[in-house]
Protein backbone atom coordinates (compact mmCIF):
# COMPACT_ATOMS: atom_id res chain seq x y z
CA MET A 1 18.05 31.10 145.05
CA ILE A 2 16.15 28.32 146.85
CA LYS A 3 12.41 28.87 146.68
CA PRO A 4 10.12 28.12 149.63
CA LEU A 5 7.95 25.03 149.99
CA VAL A 6 4.28 25.49 149.05
CA THR A 7 1.51 23.15 150.21
CA VAL A 8 -1.52 22.98 147.90
CA PHE A 9 -4.63 21.40 149.41
CA GLY A 10 -6.82 19.90 146.69
CA GLY A 11 -3.63 19.44 144.71
CA THR A 12 -5.12 16.79 142.43
CA GLY A 13 -8.33 18.71 141.66
CA PHE A 14 -9.41 20.63 138.56
CA LEU A 15 -7.74 23.86 139.67
CA GLY A 16 -5.31 22.52 142.27
CA ARG A 17 -3.30 20.35 139.91
CA ARG A 18 -2.76 23.34 137.64
CA VAL A 19 -1.56 25.44 140.55
CA VAL A 20 0.83 22.63 141.51
CA ARG A 21 2.20 22.37 137.97
CA GLN A 22 2.66 26.11 137.50
CA LEU A 23 4.41 26.46 140.86
CA ALA A 24 6.73 23.55 140.07
CA GLU A 25 7.50 24.96 136.62
CA GLN A 26 8.66 28.15 138.35
CA GLY A 27 11.00 26.17 140.57
CA PHE A 28 8.95 25.90 143.78
CA PRO A 29 9.04 22.65 145.74
CA VAL A 30 5.37 21.70 146.08
CA ARG A 31 3.51 19.44 148.46
CA ALA A 32 0.32 18.36 146.63
CA ALA A 33 -2.05 17.43 149.46
CA SER A 34 -5.24 15.48 148.75
CA ARG A 35 -7.30 12.57 150.04
CA HIS A 36 -6.08 10.23 147.29
CA PRO A 37 -2.68 11.55 146.15
CA GLY A 38 -1.08 8.50 144.53
CA GLY A 39 2.23 8.54 142.74
CA ASP A 40 5.77 9.29 143.84
CA PRO A 41 7.61 12.60 144.11
CA SER A 42 8.30 13.96 140.62
CA ARG A 43 9.94 16.93 138.97
CA ALA A 44 8.26 19.59 136.88
CA GLY A 45 10.47 22.37 135.57
CA ASP A 46 12.96 23.09 138.35
CA GLY A 47 10.59 22.19 141.18
CA THR A 48 9.76 18.97 142.96
CA VAL A 49 6.18 17.79 143.49
CA GLU A 50 5.56 15.60 146.52
CA PRO A 51 2.10 13.96 146.66
CA VAL A 52 0.90 13.60 150.26
CA GLN A 53 -2.30 12.23 151.79
CA ALA A 54 -4.25 14.82 153.76
CA ASP A 55 -7.71 14.91 155.30
CA VAL A 56 -8.90 18.52 155.61
CA THR A 57 -11.41 17.45 158.29
CA ASP A 58 -8.63 16.31 160.66
CA ASP A 59 -6.40 18.69 162.64
CA ARG A 60 -3.36 16.42 162.77
CA SER A 61 -3.51 15.64 159.07
CA VAL A 62 -3.69 19.31 158.14
CA ALA A 63 -0.92 20.20 160.59
CA ALA A 64 1.36 17.57 159.05
CA ALA A 65 0.65 18.85 155.55
CA VAL A 66 1.54 22.46 156.37
CA ALA A 67 4.61 21.66 158.51
CA GLY A 68 7.67 23.35 157.03
CA ALA A 69 5.73 25.18 154.31
CA GLN A 70 6.13 28.91 153.78
CA ALA A 71 2.99 29.22 151.68
CA VAL A 72 -0.32 27.35 151.56
CA VAL A 73 -3.02 27.30 148.89
CA ASN A 74 -6.46 25.93 149.78
CA ALA A 75 -8.04 24.86 146.49
CA VAL A 76 -10.49 22.38 148.07
CA SER A 77 -14.14 22.75 147.06
CA LEU A 78 -17.35 20.73 147.17
CA TYR A 79 -20.23 20.78 144.69
CA VAL A 80 -22.52 18.01 145.96
CA GLU A 81 -23.08 17.16 149.63
CA ARG A 82 -22.74 13.49 150.55
CA GLY A 83 -22.81 12.15 154.10
CA GLY A 84 -20.45 14.12 156.31
CA ALA A 85 -19.04 16.02 153.34
CA THR A 86 -21.30 19.05 153.65
CA PHE A 87 -20.77 22.57 152.36
CA ARG A 88 -20.23 23.77 155.91
CA ALA A 89 -17.78 20.97 156.72
CA ILE A 90 -15.59 21.70 153.68
CA HIS A 91 -16.04 25.39 152.87
CA VAL A 92 -16.21 26.67 156.46
CA ASP A 93 -14.85 24.20 159.03
CA ALA A 94 -12.07 22.72 156.89
CA ALA A 95 -11.13 26.14 155.51
CA ALA A 96 -10.86 27.50 159.06
CA ARG A 97 -8.79 24.46 160.07
CA ILE A 98 -6.30 25.01 157.25
CA ALA A 99 -6.04 28.71 158.10
CA ARG A 100 -5.63 28.00 161.81
CA GLU A 101 -2.94 25.36 161.32
CA ALA A 102 -1.14 27.56 158.79
CA GLN A 103 -1.09 30.39 161.33
CA ARG A 104 0.21 28.07 164.05
CA ALA A 105 2.95 26.76 161.76
CA GLY A 106 4.18 30.25 160.96
CA VAL A 107 3.19 30.08 157.29
CA ALA A 108 3.87 33.43 155.62
CA THR A 109 1.25 33.30 152.84
CA LEU A 110 -2.19 31.71 152.65
CA VAL A 111 -4.35 31.75 149.52
CA HIS A 112 -7.96 30.65 149.95
CA LEU A 113 -10.18 29.72 147.00
CA SER A 114 -13.73 31.05 147.18
CA GLY A 115 -16.04 32.21 144.40
CA ILE A 116 -17.72 35.28 142.94
CA GLY A 117 -20.99 35.87 144.76
CA ALA A 118 -19.84 34.39 148.09
CA ASP A 119 -22.29 35.75 150.67
CA PRO A 120 -22.65 34.72 154.33
CA ALA A 121 -26.22 36.07 154.31
CA SER A 122 -27.38 34.05 151.28
CA ARG A 123 -30.33 31.65 151.54
CA SER A 124 -28.37 29.18 149.40
CA PRO A 125 -26.37 26.74 151.58
CA TYR A 126 -23.60 26.62 148.97
CA ILE A 127 -23.24 30.39 148.48
CA ARG A 128 -23.61 31.02 152.22
CA SER A 129 -20.89 28.49 153.05
CA ARG A 130 -18.52 30.24 150.66
CA GLY A 131 -19.14 33.56 152.40
CA GLU A 132 -18.86 32.08 155.89
CA GLY A 133 -15.69 30.31 154.82
CA GLU A 134 -14.09 33.61 153.85
CA GLN A 135 -14.98 35.06 157.26
CA ALA A 136 -13.60 32.01 159.09
CA VAL A 137 -10.35 32.11 157.13
CA ARG A 138 -9.78 35.81 157.75
CA ALA A 139 -10.58 35.35 161.46
CA ALA A 140 -7.88 32.66 161.76
CA PHE A 141 -5.36 34.16 159.31
CA PRO A 142 -6.05 37.90 158.86
CA ALA A 143 -3.52 38.32 156.03
CA ALA A 144 -5.09 35.54 153.93
CA ILE A 145 -5.48 36.25 150.21
CA LEU A 146 -8.98 35.44 148.97
CA VAL A 147 -9.46 34.42 145.34
CA ARG A 148 -12.98 34.46 143.89
CA PRO A 149 -13.03 33.06 140.36
CA ALA A 150 -16.05 33.00 138.09
CA ALA A 151 -17.09 29.60 136.69
CA MET A 152 -13.86 27.98 135.51
CA VAL A 153 -13.50 26.41 132.07
CA GLY A 154 -10.80 24.28 130.50
CA PRO A 155 -10.00 20.72 129.46
CA ASP A 156 -12.16 18.19 131.37
CA ASP A 157 -14.26 20.97 132.92
CA THR A 158 -17.85 20.53 134.08
CA PHE A 159 -19.16 23.46 132.06
CA LEU A 160 -18.17 23.90 128.40
CA VAL A 161 -17.35 20.24 127.72
CA PRO A 162 -20.72 18.87 128.98
CA LEU A 163 -22.57 21.71 127.21
CA ALA A 164 -20.95 20.81 123.90
CA ARG A 165 -21.73 17.12 124.42
CA MET A 166 -25.40 17.82 125.11
CA LEU A 167 -25.78 20.31 122.27
CA ARG A 168 -24.41 17.78 119.78
CA ARG A 169 -27.09 15.27 120.78
CA ALA A 170 -30.16 17.22 121.86
CA PRO A 171 -32.70 18.61 119.40
CA VAL A 172 -34.10 20.61 122.33
CA PHE A 173 -31.85 22.25 124.93
CA PRO A 174 -33.33 23.47 128.23
CA LEU A 175 -32.22 26.91 129.37
CA PHE A 176 -31.85 28.06 132.97
CA GLY A 177 -34.78 30.44 133.31
CA GLY A 178 -34.88 32.72 130.29
CA GLY A 179 -31.13 32.47 129.69
CA ARG A 180 -30.54 36.07 130.78
CA THR A 181 -28.08 35.43 133.62
CA ARG A 182 -24.70 37.09 132.98
CA LEU A 183 -21.58 34.92 133.17
CA GLN A 184 -17.88 35.68 132.87
CA PRO A 185 -16.20 32.24 132.64
CA ALA A 186 -12.50 32.18 133.50
CA TYR A 187 -9.89 29.88 131.96
CA VAL A 188 -8.64 27.55 134.68
CA GLU A 189 -5.00 28.03 133.64
CA ASP A 190 -5.43 31.80 133.98
CA VAL A 191 -6.85 31.36 137.49
CA ALA A 192 -3.95 29.09 138.46
CA ALA A 193 -1.44 31.62 137.14
CA ALA A 194 -3.24 34.41 139.02
CA ILE A 195 -2.98 32.46 142.28
CA VAL A 196 0.77 32.01 141.78
CA ARG A 197 1.19 35.73 141.07
CA ALA A 198 -1.02 36.74 144.01
CA MET A 199 1.20 34.74 146.37
CA ALA A 200 4.04 37.17 145.68
CA GLY A 201 1.88 40.22 146.39
CA GLN A 202 0.27 41.91 149.36
CA GLY A 203 -1.60 39.88 151.96
CA GLY A 204 -5.21 40.52 152.92
CA VAL A 205 -6.34 41.22 149.35
CA THR A 206 -9.52 39.80 147.77
CA TYR A 207 -9.33 39.15 144.02
CA GLU A 208 -12.33 38.62 141.74
CA LEU A 209 -11.29 36.79 138.58
CA GLY A 210 -13.58 36.91 135.57
CA GLY A 211 -12.62 35.90 132.05
CA GLY A 212 -12.09 38.13 129.06
CA ALA A 213 -15.76 38.49 128.10
CA VAL A 214 -19.21 38.64 129.72
CA TYR A 215 -22.04 36.61 128.18
CA ARG A 216 -25.72 36.12 128.76
CA TYR A 217 -26.30 32.41 129.35
CA ARG A 218 -28.29 32.14 126.11
CA GLU A 219 -25.45 33.82 124.20
CA LEU A 220 -22.96 31.34 125.61
CA ILE A 221 -25.14 28.38 124.63
CA GLU A 222 -25.50 29.79 121.11
CA LEU A 223 -21.72 30.26 120.91
CA VAL A 224 -21.08 26.63 121.83
CA ALA A 225 -23.82 25.42 119.46
CA ARG A 226 -22.24 27.28 116.53
CA HIS A 227 -18.84 25.84 117.42
CA VAL A 228 -20.07 22.24 117.38
CA GLY A 229 -22.15 22.88 114.25
CA HIS A 230 -25.50 21.92 115.74
CA ARG A 231 -28.70 23.93 116.08
CA SER A 232 -30.91 23.05 119.03
CA LEU A 233 -34.23 24.55 120.00
CA LEU A 234 -33.52 26.54 123.17
CA LEU A 235 -36.34 25.98 125.65
CA PRO A 236 -36.60 28.21 128.76
CA VAL A 237 -37.25 26.15 131.91
CA PRO A 238 -38.24 27.87 135.20
CA PHE A 239 -35.73 27.67 138.04
CA PRO A 240 -38.09 25.80 140.43
CA ALA A 241 -38.27 22.97 137.90
CA TRP A 242 -34.47 22.92 137.69
CA GLN A 243 -34.25 22.59 141.47
CA VAL A 244 -36.40 19.44 141.36
CA LEU A 245 -34.36 17.97 138.52
CA ALA A 246 -31.10 18.73 140.33
CA LEU A 247 -32.35 17.12 143.54
CA ILE A 248 -33.08 13.92 141.61
CA ALA A 249 -29.77 14.10 139.72
CA GLU A 250 -27.79 14.39 142.95
CA GLN A 251 -28.72 10.81 143.80
CA LEU A 252 -26.56 9.61 140.89
CA PRO A 253 -22.87 8.69 141.37
CA HIS A 254 -21.81 11.46 138.97
CA PRO A 255 -24.69 13.95 138.85
CA PRO A 256 -24.87 16.03 135.65
CA ILE A 257 -26.31 18.93 137.64
CA ALA A 258 -26.48 19.94 141.30
CA ARG A 259 -28.72 22.32 143.21
CA ASN A 260 -25.86 24.72 143.91
CA GLN A 261 -25.38 25.13 140.17
CA VAL A 262 -29.04 26.06 139.82
CA GLU A 263 -28.69 28.56 142.65
CA LEU A 264 -25.60 30.11 141.07
CA MET A 265 -27.32 30.37 137.70
CA GLN A 266 -29.94 32.66 139.25
CA LEU A 267 -27.21 35.21 139.99
CA ASP A 268 -24.93 37.18 137.69
CA THR A 269 -21.38 35.88 138.28
CA VAL A 270 -19.36 38.79 136.95
CA ALA A 271 -16.22 40.22 138.53
CA ASP A 272 -16.63 43.58 140.23
CA PRO A 273 -14.56 46.05 138.15
CA ASP A 274 -13.77 48.03 141.31
CA MET A 275 -12.09 45.05 142.99
CA PRO A 276 -8.57 43.72 142.35
CA GLY A 277 -8.57 41.19 139.53
CA PHE A 278 -6.57 39.95 136.58
CA SER A 279 -5.59 43.49 135.58
CA THR A 280 -4.13 44.09 139.06
CA LEU A 281 -1.91 41.07 138.46
CA GLU A 282 -0.96 42.40 135.01
CA MET A 283 -2.76 39.57 133.23
CA THR A 284 -5.07 39.54 130.21
CA PRO A 285 -7.42 36.57 130.64
CA LEU A 286 -8.87 34.51 127.82
CA SER A 287 -12.60 34.59 127.17
CA ALA A 288 -14.81 31.52 127.01
CA GLY A 289 -14.93 31.99 123.24
CA GLN A 290 -11.14 31.77 123.07
CA VAL A 291 -11.00 28.75 125.38
CA LEU A 292 -13.73 26.83 123.53
CA PRO A 293 -11.53 25.67 120.58
CA LEU A 294 -8.90 24.51 123.09
CA VAL A 295 -11.25 22.12 124.86
CA VAL A 296 -13.99 21.14 122.38
CA PRO A 297 -13.42 19.89 118.80
CA ALA A 298 -15.30 21.96 116.21
CA GLY A 299 -18.02 20.51 114.04
């Protein structure tokens, strides 16, 4: 049986490239759309991966990327605003553009990546843009599937790996606030697999994907510290001070922290047990503790 073509926007990103690989391994032909695709068409499993250049801020570019596809995954996200790349431009306007062009092209299935805590009424520009993006996508493509993962962890992530690096070096480690925020990190491969499974299910569903365990932030730091064999003094730092530090850090080419991360760390990012999630998709996700040895050497 010939499987339908799937276009994945953000197909070279942290999550997107895993979605591309898992789709291809299941025999789907995949169009991996990104600003800097590179490479030639390749095979993975029984599927073919075609890298294509696509600008999510341009109607024609998006239309070309979705042409002929039966399913579309929007895995594009932004963590630091630079120039015209604002949270609204990417999470709202570009998301609406992808949904609109997918609807016009007769695409059967659209999966839109959002995040736990997305709220159009939030004071945080990042969190608000996520919530407004969901509304814009559903307005343009009512049957869109929304996927809200918790903070994603895995090889080359921006969470566990940097934490381990800092804990190995720092005699004193600054905590967000008092370290009481609850987190439910999700393994990026589990999220990718959930997206692939969700594509085969009912449209119009919103999934919240949290990992196999919930941690207080302090507990998670202590877990990583034990794993790397280093004891640091954990120093609570008020959130207003973190906002100033993040604003300064954002001027760097590769900022170690951004203001949206500070804003998110003031909220519990835990999947709502009453919403569809991994269990709905018949999956048992790994916890951050189980992922840690896969991405960070011990000792």
